[in-house]
C-alpha atoms as a PDB file:
ATOM      1  CA  UNK A   1      -0.090   0.089   0.043  1.00  0.00           C
ATOM      2  CA  UNK A   2       2.609   2.199   0.884  1.00  0.00           C
ATOM      3  CA  UNK A   3       4.164   1.493  -2.851  1.00  0.00           C
ATOM      4  CA  UNK A   4       0.695   2.578  -4.172  1.00  0.00           C
ATOM      5  CA  UNK A   5       0.588   6.011  -2.109  1.00  0.00           C
ATOM      6  CA  UNK A   6       4.231   7.342  -2.444  1.00  0.00           C
ATOM      7  CA  UNK A   7       4.964   6.039  -5.281  1.00  0.00           C
ATOM      8  CA  UNK A   8       2.210   6.041  -8.117  1.00  0.00           C
ATOM      9  CA  UNK A   9      -0.049   8.715  -8.874  1.00  0.00           C
ATOM     10  CA  UNK A  10      -2.812   6.554 -10.017  1.00  0.00           C
ATOM     11  CA  UNK A  11      -6.099   5.766  -7.549  1.00  0.00           C
ATOM     12  CA  UNK A  12      -6.215   1.900  -6.707  1.00  0.00           C
ATOM     13  CA  UNK A  13      -8.475  -0.454  -4.942  1.00  0.00           C
ATOM     14  CA  UNK A  14      -7.129  -3.379  -3.153  1.00  0.00           C
ATOM     15  CA  UNK A  15      -8.724  -6.204  -2.067  1.00  0.00           C
ATOM     16  CA  UNK A  16      -7.560  -9.067   0.382  1.00  0.00           C
ATOM     17  CA  UNK A  17      -9.500 -11.822   1.542  1.00  0.00           C
ATOM     18  CA  UNK A  18      -8.120 -12.729   4.715  1.00  0.00           C
ATOM     19  CA  UNK A  19      -4.659 -12.031   6.519  1.00  0.00           C
ATOM     20  CA  UNK A  20      -2.640 -14.418   6.263  1.00  0.00           C
ATOM     21  CA  UNK A  21      -1.951 -15.834   9.881  1.00  0.00           C
ATOM     22  CA  UNK A  22      -4.349 -13.972  13.436  1.00  0.00           C
ATOM     23  CA  UNK A  23      -2.359 -11.084  14.465  1.00  0.00           C
ATOM     24  CA  UNK A  24      -2.990  -7.803  16.563  1.00  0.00           C
ATOM     25  CA  UNK A  25      -2.992  -4.796  14.693  1.00  0.00           C
ATOM     26  CA  UNK A  26      -2.907  -1.785  16.447  1.00  0.00           C
ATOM     27  CA  UNK A  27      -2.760   2.283  15.076  1.00  0.00           C
ATOM     28  CA  UNK A  28       0.235   4.194  14.599  1.00  0.00           C
ATOM     29  CA  UNK A  29      -0.628   6.026  17.580  1.00  0.00           C
ATOM     30  CA  UNK A  30      -1.579   3.029  19.740  1.00  0.00           C
ATOM     31  CA  UNK A  31       0.185   2.553  23.012  1.00  0.00           C
ATOM     32  CA  UNK A  32       0.314  -1.141  23.905  1.00  0.00           C
ATOM     33  CA  UNK A  33      -0.087  -0.392  27.625  1.00  0.00           C
ATOM     34  CA  UNK A  34      -3.506   1.112  26.927  1.00  0.00           C
ATOM     35  CA  UNK A  35      -4.896  -0.952  24.664  1.00  0.00           C
ATOM     36  CA  UNK A  36      -3.355  -4.879  24.894  1.00  0.00           C
ATOM     37  CA  UNK A  37      -3.968  -6.848  27.876  1.00  0.00           C
ATOM     38  CA  UNK A  38      -0.194  -7.854  28.248  1.00  0.00           C
ATOM     39  CA  UNK A  39      -0.012 -10.862  30.186  1.00  0.00           C
ATOM     40  CA  UNK A  40      -2.440 -12.550  27.998  1.00  0.00           C
ATOM     41  CA  UNK A  41      -0.313 -12.200  25.128  1.00  0.00           C
ATOM     42  CA  UNK A  42       2.746 -12.988  26.482  1.00  0.00           C
ATOM     43  CA  UNK A  43       1.222 -16.668  27.277  1.00  0.00           C
ATOM     44  CA  UNK A  44      -0.523 -17.069  23.666  1.00  0.00           C
ATOM     45  CA  UNK A  45       1.860 -14.950  21.886  1.00  0.00           C
ATOM     46  CA  UNK A  46       0.756 -13.834  18.492  1.00  0.00           C
ATOM     47  CA  UNK A  47       2.392 -11.064  15.927  1.00  0.00           C
ATOM     48  CA  UNK A  48       1.951  -7.507  17.001  1.00  0.00           C
ATOM     49  CA  UNK A  49       1.939  -4.676  14.070  1.00  0.00           C
ATOM     50  CA  UNK A  50       1.832  -1.108  14.112  1.00  0.00           C
ATOM     51  CA  UNK A  51       0.510  -0.192  10.406  1.00  0.00           C
ATOM     52  CA  UNK A  52       1.452   3.349   9.129  1.00  0.00           C
ATOM     53  CA  UNK A  53      -2.204   4.730   9.265  1.00  0.00           C
ATOM     54  CA  UNK A  54      -4.338   5.687  12.466  1.00  0.00           C
ATOM     55  CA  UNK A  55      -7.783   4.241  13.683  1.00  0.00           C
ATOM     56  CA  UNK A  56      -8.117   1.300  16.685  1.00  0.00           C
ATOM     57  CA  UNK A  57      -6.630  -1.821  17.705  1.00  0.00           C
ATOM     58  CA  UNK A  58      -8.310  -4.984  15.942  1.00  0.00           C
ATOM     59  CA  UNK A  59      -7.219  -8.965  16.036  1.00  0.00           C
ATOM     60  CA  UNK A  60      -7.314 -10.000  12.703  1.00  0.00           C
ATOM     61  CA  UNK A  61      -7.165 -13.345  11.157  1.00  0.00           C
ATOM     62  CA  UNK A  62      -7.909 -15.264   7.574  1.00  0.00           C
ATOM     63  CA  UNK A  63     -11.471 -14.723   8.482  1.00  0.00           C
ATOM     64  CA  UNK A  64     -11.214 -10.793   8.037  1.00  0.00           C
ATOM     65  CA  UNK A  65     -12.173  -8.811   4.984  1.00  0.00           C
ATOM     66  CA  UNK A  66      -9.916  -6.037   3.845  1.00  0.00           C
ATOM     67  CA  UNK A  67     -10.628  -3.218   1.589  1.00  0.00           C
ATOM     68  CA  UNK A  68      -8.575  -0.317   0.401  1.00  0.00           C
ATOM     69  CA  UNK A  69      -8.566   2.702  -1.718  1.00  0.00           C
ATOM     70  CA  UNK A  70      -5.484   4.330  -2.330  1.00  0.00           C
ATOM     71  CA  UNK A  71      -5.433   7.442  -4.413  1.00  0.00           C
ATOM     72  CA  UNK A  72      -5.517  11.078  -5.113  1.00  0.00           C
ATOM     73  CA  UNK A  73      -7.503  13.980  -3.762  1.00  0.00           C
ATOM     74  CA  UNK A  74      -9.471  14.911  -6.656  1.00  0.00           C
ATOM     75  CA  UNK A  75     -10.961  11.500  -6.706  1.00  0.00           C
ATOM     76  CA  UNK A  76     -12.528  11.810  -3.396  1.00  0.00           C
ATOM     77  CA  UNK A  77     -13.478  16.096  -3.789  1.00  0.00           C
ATOM     78  CA  UNK A  78     -12.761  17.865  -6.900  1.00  0.00           C
ATOM     79  CA  UNK A  79     -11.431  20.595  -5.487  1.00  0.00           C
ATOM     80  CA  UNK A  80      -8.685  17.999  -3.644  1.00  0.00           C
ATOM     81  CA  UNK A  81      -9.398  19.646  -0.345  1.00  0.00           C
ATOM     82  CA  UNK A  82      -9.863  16.661   1.688  1.00  0.00           C
ATOM     83  CA  UNK A  83     -10.247  15.785   5.216  1.00  0.00           C
ATOM     84  CA  UNK A  84     -10.955  11.834   7.141  1.00  0.00           C
ATOM     85  CA  UNK A  85     -14.642  12.934   7.376  1.00  0.00           C
ATOM     86  CA  UNK A  86     -15.270  13.861   3.943  1.00  0.00           C
ATOM     87  CA  UNK A  87     -13.453  10.718   2.836  1.00  0.00           C
ATOM     88  CA  UNK A  88     -15.555   8.055   5.067  1.00  0.00           C
ATOM     89  CA  UNK A  89     -18.427  10.045   3.743  1.00  0.00           C
ATOM     90  CA  UNK A  90     -17.305   9.293   0.158  1.00  0.00           C
ATOM     91  CA  UNK A  91     -16.575   5.575   0.830  1.00  0.00           C
ATOM     92  CA  UNK A  92     -20.373   5.751   1.459  1.00  0.00           C
ATOM     93  CA  UNK A  93     -21.364   7.455  -1.713  1.00  0.00           C
ATOM     94  CA  UNK A  94     -18.721   5.650  -4.138  1.00  0.00           C
ATOM     95  CA  UNK A  95     -19.264   1.859  -3.337  1.00  0.00           C
ATOM     96  CA  UNK A  96     -20.391   1.094   0.060  1.00  0.00           C
ATOM     97  CA  UNK A  97     -24.180   2.310  -0.061  1.00  0.00           C
ATOM     98  CA  UNK A  98     -24.580   0.015  -3.026  1.00  0.00           C
ATOM     99  CA  UNK A  99     -22.409  -2.838  -1.752  1.00  0.00           C
ATOM    100  CA  UNK A 100     -24.535  -2.528   2.069  1.00  0.00           C
ATOM    101  CA  UNK A 101     -27.806  -2.435  -0.043  1.00  0.00           C
ATOM    102  CA  UNK A 102     -26.921  -5.662  -2.022  1.00  0.00           C
ATOM    103  CA  UNK A 103     -26.599  -7.269   1.356  1.00  0.00           C
ATOM    104  CA  UNK A 104     -30.474  -6.226   2.349  1.00  0.00           C
ATOM    105  CA  UNK A 105     -33.431  -9.032   1.506  1.00  0.00           C
ATOM    106  CA  UNK A 106     -33.754  -8.498  -1.477  1.00  0.00           C
ATOM    107  CA  UNK A 107     -36.550 -10.963  -2.334  1.00  0.00           C
ATOM    108  CA  UNK A 108     -39.814  -8.920  -2.174  1.00  0.00           C
ATOM    109  CA  UNK A 109     -37.908  -6.238  -4.264  1.00  0.00           C
ATOM    110  CA  UNK A 110     -38.598  -5.140  -7.782  1.00  0.00           C
ATOM    111  CA  UNK A 111     -35.313  -4.077  -9.876  1.00  0.00           C
ATOM    112  CA  UNK A 112     -36.757  -0.406  -9.285  1.00  0.00           C
ATOM    113  CA  UNK A 113     -37.404  -0.296  -5.436  1.00  0.00           C
ATOM    114  CA  UNK A 114     -33.949  -1.737  -5.069  1.00  0.00           C
ATOM    115  CA  UNK A 115     -32.487   1.143  -7.197  1.00  0.00           C
ATOM    116  CA  UNK A 116     -34.573   3.781  -5.604  1.00  0.00           C
ATOM    117  CA  UNK A 117     -35.911   2.218  -1.956  1.00  0.00           C
ATOM    118  CA  UNK A 118     -33.699   0.362  -0.844  1.00  0.00           C
ATOM    119  CA  UNK A 119     -32.091   0.876   2.794  1.00  0.00           C
ATOM    120  CA  UNK A 120     -28.305  -0.399   3.351  1.00  0.00           C
ATOM    121  CA  UNK A 121     -28.028  -2.960   5.763  1.00  0.00           C
ATOM    122  CA  UNK A 122     -24.896  -1.816   7.099  1.00  0.00           C
ATOM    123  CA  UNK A 123     -24.323   1.928   7.998  1.00  0.00           C
ATOM    124  CA  UNK A 124     -21.859   4.494   8.914  1.00  0.00           C
ATOM    125  CA  UNK A 125     -21.472   5.768  12.587  1.00  0.00           C
ATOM    126  CA  UNK A 126     -18.700   8.391  13.658  1.00  0.00           C
ATOM    127  CA  UNK A 127     -15.770   6.136  11.700  1.00  0.00           C
ATOM    128  CA  UNK A 128     -17.129   2.906  11.989  1.00  0.00           C
ATOM    129  CA  UNK A 129     -19.363   0.707   9.568  1.00  0.00           C
ATOM    130  CA  UNK A 130     -22.367  -0.338  11.978  1.00  0.00           C
ATOM    131  CA  UNK A 131     -25.471  -3.216  11.489  1.00  0.00           C
ATOM    132  CA  UNK A 132     -28.521  -2.043  14.025  1.00  0.00           C
ATOM    133  CA  UNK A 133     -30.065  -5.061  15.103  1.00  0.00           C
ATOM    134  CA  UNK A 134     -33.756  -5.289  15.913  1.00  0.00           C
ATOM    135  CA  UNK A 135     -33.893  -4.177  19.464  1.00  0.00           C
ATOM    136  CA  UNK A 136     -32.074  -1.376  18.333  1.00  0.00           C
ATOM    137  CA  UNK A 137     -28.712  -2.342  19.444  1.00  0.00           C
ATOM    138  CA  UNK A 138     -25.538  -1.022  17.257  1.00  0.00           C
ATOM    139  CA  UNK A 139     -23.055  -3.286  16.337  1.00  0.00           C
ATOM    140  CA  UNK A 140     -19.854  -2.689  15.188  1.00  0.00           C
ATOM    141  CA  UNK A 141     -18.404  -4.800  11.300  1.00  0.00           C
ATOM    142  CA  UNK A 142     -15.986  -3.097  10.411  1.00  0.00           C
ATOM    143  CA  UNK A 143     -13.270  -0.306  11.095  1.00  0.00           C
ATOM    144  CA  UNK A 144     -11.454   1.908   9.256  1.00  0.00           C
ATOM    145  CA  UNK A 145      -7.745   4.168   9.130  1.00  0.00           C
ATOM    146  CA  UNK A 146      -6.632   6.440   7.073  1.00  0.00           C
ATOM    147  CA  UNK A 147      -3.546   8.297   6.032  1.00  0.00           C
ATOM    148  CA  UNK A 148      -3.202  11.415   4.475  1.00  0.00           C
ATOM    149  CA  UNK A 149       0.167  13.208   2.613  1.00  0.00           C
ATOM    150  CA  UNK A 150       1.048  15.697   0.615  1.00  0.00           C
ATOM    151  CA  UNK A 151       0.016  19.387   0.655  1.00  0.00           C
ATOM    152  CA  UNK A 152      -3.440  20.427   0.747  1.00  0.00           C
ATOM    153  CA  UNK A 153      -3.557  20.557  -3.226  1.00  0.00           C
ATOM    154  CA  UNK A 154      -1.745  17.849  -4.121  1.00  0.00           C
ATOM    155  CA  UNK A 155      -3.061  15.242  -1.406  1.00  0.00           C
ATOM    156  CA  UNK A 156      -3.041  11.620  -1.778  1.00  0.00           C
ATOM    157  CA  UNK A 157      -4.949   9.223   0.659  1.00  0.00           C
ATOM    158  CA  UNK A 158      -5.190   5.811   2.166  1.00  0.00           C
ATOM    159  CA  UNK A 159      -8.508   4.463   3.659  1.00  0.00           C
ATOM    160  CA  UNK A 160      -8.904   0.802   4.380  1.00  0.00           C
ATOM    161  CA  UNK A 161     -11.605  -0.951   6.178  1.00  0.00           C
ATOM    162  CA  UNK A 162     -11.056  -4.592   8.013  1.00  0.00           C
ATOM    163  CA  UNK A 163     -14.621  -6.240   7.952  1.00  0.00           C
ATOM    164  CA  UNK A 164     -15.085  -8.633  10.370  1.00  0.00           C
ATOM    165  CA  UNK A 165     -16.698 -11.833   8.334  1.00  0.00           C
ATOM    166  CA  UNK A 166     -15.583 -14.177  10.989  1.00  0.00           C
ATOM    167  CA  UNK A 167     -13.925 -13.382  14.468  1.00  0.00           C
ATOM    168  CA  UNK A 168     -13.380 -15.568  17.499  1.00  0.00           C
ATOM    169  CA  UNK A 169     -15.073 -13.754  20.173  1.00  0.00           C
ATOM    170  CA  UNK A 170     -12.381 -14.467  23.134  1.00  0.00           C
ATOM    171  CA  UNK A 171      -9.584 -13.127  20.966  1.00  0.00           C
ATOM    172  CA  UNK A 172     -11.182 -10.073  21.043  1.00  0.00           C
ATOM    173  CA  UNK A 173     -11.529 -10.203  24.618  1.00  0.00           C
ATOM    174  CA  UNK A 174      -8.503 -11.703  25.796  1.00  0.00           C
ATOM    175  CA  UNK A 175      -6.210  -9.692  23.902  1.00  0.00           C
ATOM    176  CA  UNK A 176      -7.349  -6.408  23.668  1.00  0.00           C
ATOM    177  CA  UNK A 177      -8.727  -3.890  26.519  1.00  0.00           C
ATOM    178  CA  UNK A 178     -11.296  -1.615  26.233  1.00  0.00           C
ATOM    179  CA  UNK A 179     -10.102   1.624  24.810  1.00  0.00           C
ATOM    180  CA  UNK A 180     -10.536   4.988  26.671  1.00  0.00           C
ATOM    181  CA  UNK A 181     -11.179   6.805  23.426  1.00  0.00           C
ATOM    182  CA  UNK A 182     -14.047   4.906  22.239  1.00  0.00           C
ATOM    183  CA  UNK A 183     -17.003   5.686  20.076  1.00  0.00           C
ATOM    184  CA  UNK A 184     -19.861   7.264  21.321  1.00  0.00           C
ATOM    185  CA  UNK A 185     -22.070   4.661  20.695  1.00  0.00           C
ATOM    186  CA  UNK A 186     -20.488   2.062  22.208  1.00  0.00           C
ATOM    187  CA  UNK A 187     -20.856   3.153  25.657  1.00  0.00           C
ATOM    188  CA  UNK A 188     -19.204   0.618  28.228  1.00  0.00           C
ATOM    189  CA  UNK A 189     -19.878  -2.211  26.262  1.00  0.00           C
ATOM    190  CA  UNK A 190     -17.381  -5.116  25.989  1.00  0.00           C
ATOM    191  CA  UNK A 191     -15.901  -6.930  23.048  1.00  0.00           C
ATOM    192  CA  UNK A 192     -18.707  -9.431  22.322  1.00  0.00           C
ATOM    193  CA  UNK A 193     -21.573  -7.028  23.255  1.00  0.00           C
ATOM    194  CA  UNK A 194     -19.782  -4.539  20.523  1.00  0.00           C
ATOM    195  CA  UNK A 195     -18.995  -6.833  17.702  1.00  0.00           C
ATOM    196  CA  UNK A 196     -21.140  -8.662  15.342  1.00  0.00           C
ATOM    197  CA  UNK A 197     -19.467 -10.658  12.419  1.00  0.00           C
ATOM    198  CA  UNK A 198     -20.526  -9.451   8.761  1.00  0.00           C
ATOM    199  CA  UNK A 199     -21.241 -13.486   8.101  1.00  0.00           C
ATOM    200  CA  UNK A 200     -24.030 -13.536  10.295  1.00  0.00           C
ATOM    201  CA  UNK A 201     -25.563 -10.060   9.256  1.00  0.00           C
ATOM    202  CA  UNK A 202     -25.900 -10.939   5.729  1.00  0.00           C
ATOM    203  CA  UNK A 203     -26.757 -14.864   6.158  1.00  0.00           C
ATOM    204  CA  UNK A 204     -29.509 -13.215   8.183  1.00  0.00           C
ATOM    205  CA  UNK A 205     -30.720 -11.391   5.796  1.00  0.00           C
ATOM    206  CA  UNK A 206     -31.076 -13.557   2.851  1.00  0.00           C
ATOM    207  CA  UNK A 207     -27.284 -14.829   1.418  1.00  0.00           C
ATOM    208  CA  UNK A 208     -25.862 -17.773   2.088  1.00  0.00           C
ATOM    209  CA  UNK A 209     -22.011 -17.401   1.535  1.00  0.00           C
ATOM    210  CA  UNK A 210     -20.054 -20.088   3.114  1.00  0.00           C
ATOM    211  CA  UNK A 211     -17.218 -18.300   3.000  1.00  0.00           C
ATOM    212  CA  UNK A 212     -14.781 -15.131   2.864  1.00  0.00           C
ATOM    213  CA  UNK A 213     -14.430 -15.982  -0.997  1.00  0.00           C
ATOM    214  CA  UNK A 214     -18.145 -16.095  -1.476  1.00  0.00           C
ATOM    215  CA  UNK A 215     -18.175 -12.417   0.007  1.00  0.00           C
ATOM    216  CA  UNK A 216     -15.144 -11.614  -2.047  1.00  0.00           C
ATOM    217  CA  UNK A 217     -16.674 -12.738  -5.188  1.00  0.00           C
ATOM    218  CA  UNK A 218     -19.742 -10.676  -4.490  1.00  0.00           C
ATOM    219  CA  UNK A 219     -17.632  -7.658  -3.307  1.00  0.00           C
ATOM    220  CA  UNK A 220     -16.012  -7.819  -7.043  1.00  0.00           C
ATOM    221  CA  UNK A 221     -19.742  -8.070  -8.734  1.00  0.00           C
ATOM    222  CA  UNK A 222     -20.830  -5.188  -6.641  1.00  0.00           C
ATOM    223  CA  UNK A 223     -17.687  -3.048  -7.928  1.00  0.00           C
ATOM    224  CA  UNK A 224     -17.844  -4.137 -11.687  1.00  0.00           C
ATOM    225  CA  UNK A 225     -21.259  -2.980 -11.482  1.00  0.00           C
ATOM    226  CA  UNK A 226     -20.979   0.461 -10.048  1.00  0.00           C
ATOM    227  CA  UNK A 227     -17.348   1.689 -10.209  1.00  0.00           C
ATOM    228  CA  UNK A 228     -15.534   2.172 -13.455  1.00  0.00           C
ATOM    229  CA  UNK A 229     -12.529  -0.175 -13.936  1.00  0.00           C
ATOM    230  CA  UNK A 230      -9.568   0.822 -16.024  1.00  0.00           C
ATOM    231  CA  UNK A 231      -7.468  -2.053 -15.631  1.00  0.00           C
ATOM    232  CA  UNK A 232      -7.912  -5.847 -13.482  1.00  0.00           C
ATOM    233  CA  UNK A 233      -4.832  -7.847 -12.450  1.00  0.00           C
ATOM    234  CA  UNK A 234      -3.691  -9.431  -9.684  1.00  0.00           C
ATOM    235  CA  UNK A 235      -0.036  -8.716  -7.624  1.00  0.00           C
ATOM    236  CA  UNK A 236       0.672 -12.279  -7.651  1.00  0.00           C
ATOM    237  CA  UNK A 237       1.907 -11.827 -10.968  1.00  0.00           C
ATOM    238  CA  UNK A 238       4.742  -9.345  -9.866  1.00  0.00           C
ATOM    239  CA  UNK A 239       7.276 -11.323  -8.290  1.00  0.00           C
ATOM    240  CA  UNK A 240       9.446  -8.914  -7.923  1.00  0.00           C
ATOM    241  CA  UNK A 241       7.559  -6.362  -5.280  1.00  0.00           C
ATOM    242  CA  UNK A 242       7.657 -10.225  -3.286  1.00  0.00           C
ATOM    243  CA  UNK A 243      11.273 -10.393  -3.698  1.00  0.00           C
ATOM    244  CA  UNK A 244      12.261  -7.089  -2.229  1.00  0.00           C
ATOM    245  CA  UNK A 245       9.441  -7.315   0.816  1.00  0.00           C
ATOM    246  CA  UNK A 246       7.033  -5.255  -0.089  1.00  0.00           C
ATOM    247  CA  UNK A 247       4.314  -6.661   1.676  1.00  0.00           C
ATOM    248  CA  UNK A 248       0.313  -7.145   2.451  1.00  0.00           C
ATOM    249  CA  UNK A 249      -0.179  -6.671  -1.661  1.00  0.00           C
ATOM    250  CA  UNK A 250      -1.206 -10.196  -2.657  1.00  0.00           C
ATOM    251  CA  UNK A 251      -4.602  -9.332  -3.964  1.00  0.00           C
ATOM    252  CA  UNK A 252      -4.034  -6.274  -5.863  1.00  0.00           C
ATOM    253  CA  UNK A 253      -7.351  -6.456  -8.209  1.00  0.00           C
ATOM    254  CA  UNK A 254      -8.331  -3.199  -9.778  1.00  0.00           C
ATOM    255  CA  UNK A 255      -6.779   0.387 -11.130  1.00  0.00           C
ATOM    256  CA  UNK A 256      -9.709   2.567 -10.884  1.00  0.00           C
ATOM    257  CA  UNK A 257      -9.974   5.809 -13.335  1.00  0.00           C
ATOM    258  CA  UNK A 258      -9.972   8.965 -11.142  1.00  0.00           C
ATOM    259  CA  UNK A 259      -9.223  12.682 -12.160  1.00  0.00           C
ATOM    260  CA  UNK A 260      -8.157  14.110 -15.221  1.00  0.00           C
ATOM    261  CA  UNK A 261      -6.316  11.167 -16.157  1.00  0.00           C
ATOM    262  CA  UNK A 262      -7.762   9.726 -19.764  1.00  0.00           C
ATOM    263  CA  UNK A 263      -5.409   6.687 -20.135  1.00  0.00           C
ATOM    264  CA  UNK A 264      -4.070   3.845 -17.698  1.00  0.00           C
ATOM    265  CA  UNK A 265      -1.875   0.873 -18.842  1.00  0.00           C
ATOM    266  CA  UNK A 266      -0.863  -1.680 -16.291  1.00  0.00           C
ATOM    267  CA  UNK A 267       1.110  -4.747 -17.402  1.00  0.00           C
ATOM    268  CA  UNK A 268       3.506  -7.471 -15.863  1.00  0.00           C
ATOM    269  CA  UNK A 269       5.554  -4.775 -13.090  1.00  0.00           C
ATOM    270  CA  UNK A 270       4.798  -1.343 -14.950  1.00  0.00           C
ATOM    271  CA  UNK A 271       2.354   1.187 -13.288  1.00  0.00           C
ATOM    272  CA  UNK A 272       1.584   4.270 -15.026  1.00  0.00           C
ATOM    273  CA  UNK A 273       2.180   7.932 -13.707  1.00  0.00           C
ATOM    274  CA  UNK A 274       0.116  10.916 -13.941  1.00  0.00           C
ATOM    275  CA  UNK A 275       2.169  12.054 -17.057  1.00  0.00           C
ATOM    276  CA  UNK A 276       1.584   8.414 -18.537  1.00  0.00           C
ATOM    277  CA  UNK A 277       5.146   7.327 -18.416  1.00  0.00           C
ATOM    278  CA  UNK A 278       5.981   4.332 -16.934  1.00  0.00           C
ATOM    279  CA  UNK A 279       6.584   3.601 -13.283  1.00  0.00           C
ATOM    280  CA  UNK A 280       9.463   1.317 -12.645  1.00  0.00           C
ATOM    281  CA  UNK A 281      10.188  -1.552 -10.458  1.00  0.00           C
ATOM    282  CA  UNK A 282      13.150   0.519  -9.427  1.00  0.00           C
ATOM    283  CA  UNK A 283      11.396   3.716  -8.992  1.00  0.00           C
ATOM    284  CA  UNK A 284       8.684   1.772  -6.561  1.00  0.00           C
ATOM    285  CA  UNK A 285      11.836   0.199  -4.924  1.00  0.00           C
ATOM    286  CA  UNK A 286      13.506   3.216  -3.722  1.00  0.00           C
ATOM    287  CA  UNK A 287      10.787   3.349  -0.515  1.00  0.00           C
END
């Protein structure tokens, strides 16, 4: 992600179904003493990673689904002036409203009703994606982190989300403390009462996703329906990046058109800058 953020001028959507292993991921400002149960970790060790973006702390696993937007500020706002709250709202308008509506029970809806009147199953609240249970309880199924770089008119940004497709409730409560800085709607609820898996939510509403790969296929279908895609490829084909340990880009799926750029050419080990000139491997590896 950092390679794409800092060494390209294109707009990207990255999908990654599942972390390689169970691990704790903390925001850039997170403090171990305040956020983690160190005594439990010492007896049940798993990797702890501090990412370069902000946001909270989560235990991720092969059942966590990751979606990242990386791009120019003009992708979000024509003026190029962006802020974290605006990026959150843009992510809903750009993709997630359509995606979350598609999770709703559609059996009784005509196509026109679906397009016009349907309400999303998942909502944006403060900095989280939440589901509202029948009793009115608001529970979290996805959390976000962001990073902005560059001066105001030339900014680039990362907005990435971890959706809890499935999770072990005991992992959240054993590894993580209840943070002092938490969203208002959480109140003092523990992790069990505050979280719900995305799989239980969507399956409750008429879908039968048997695995995180089913979710991945559904997200891809939604993106193809609602996002102007110029190029599609998989980073597993770009061996040199793996060779040089640029991590966490196993499943780069789409390079999305944006801004004033009219043509994007992609291929094996080739990236295209805004002016149309190839950005070579050696450029990426100057990190």
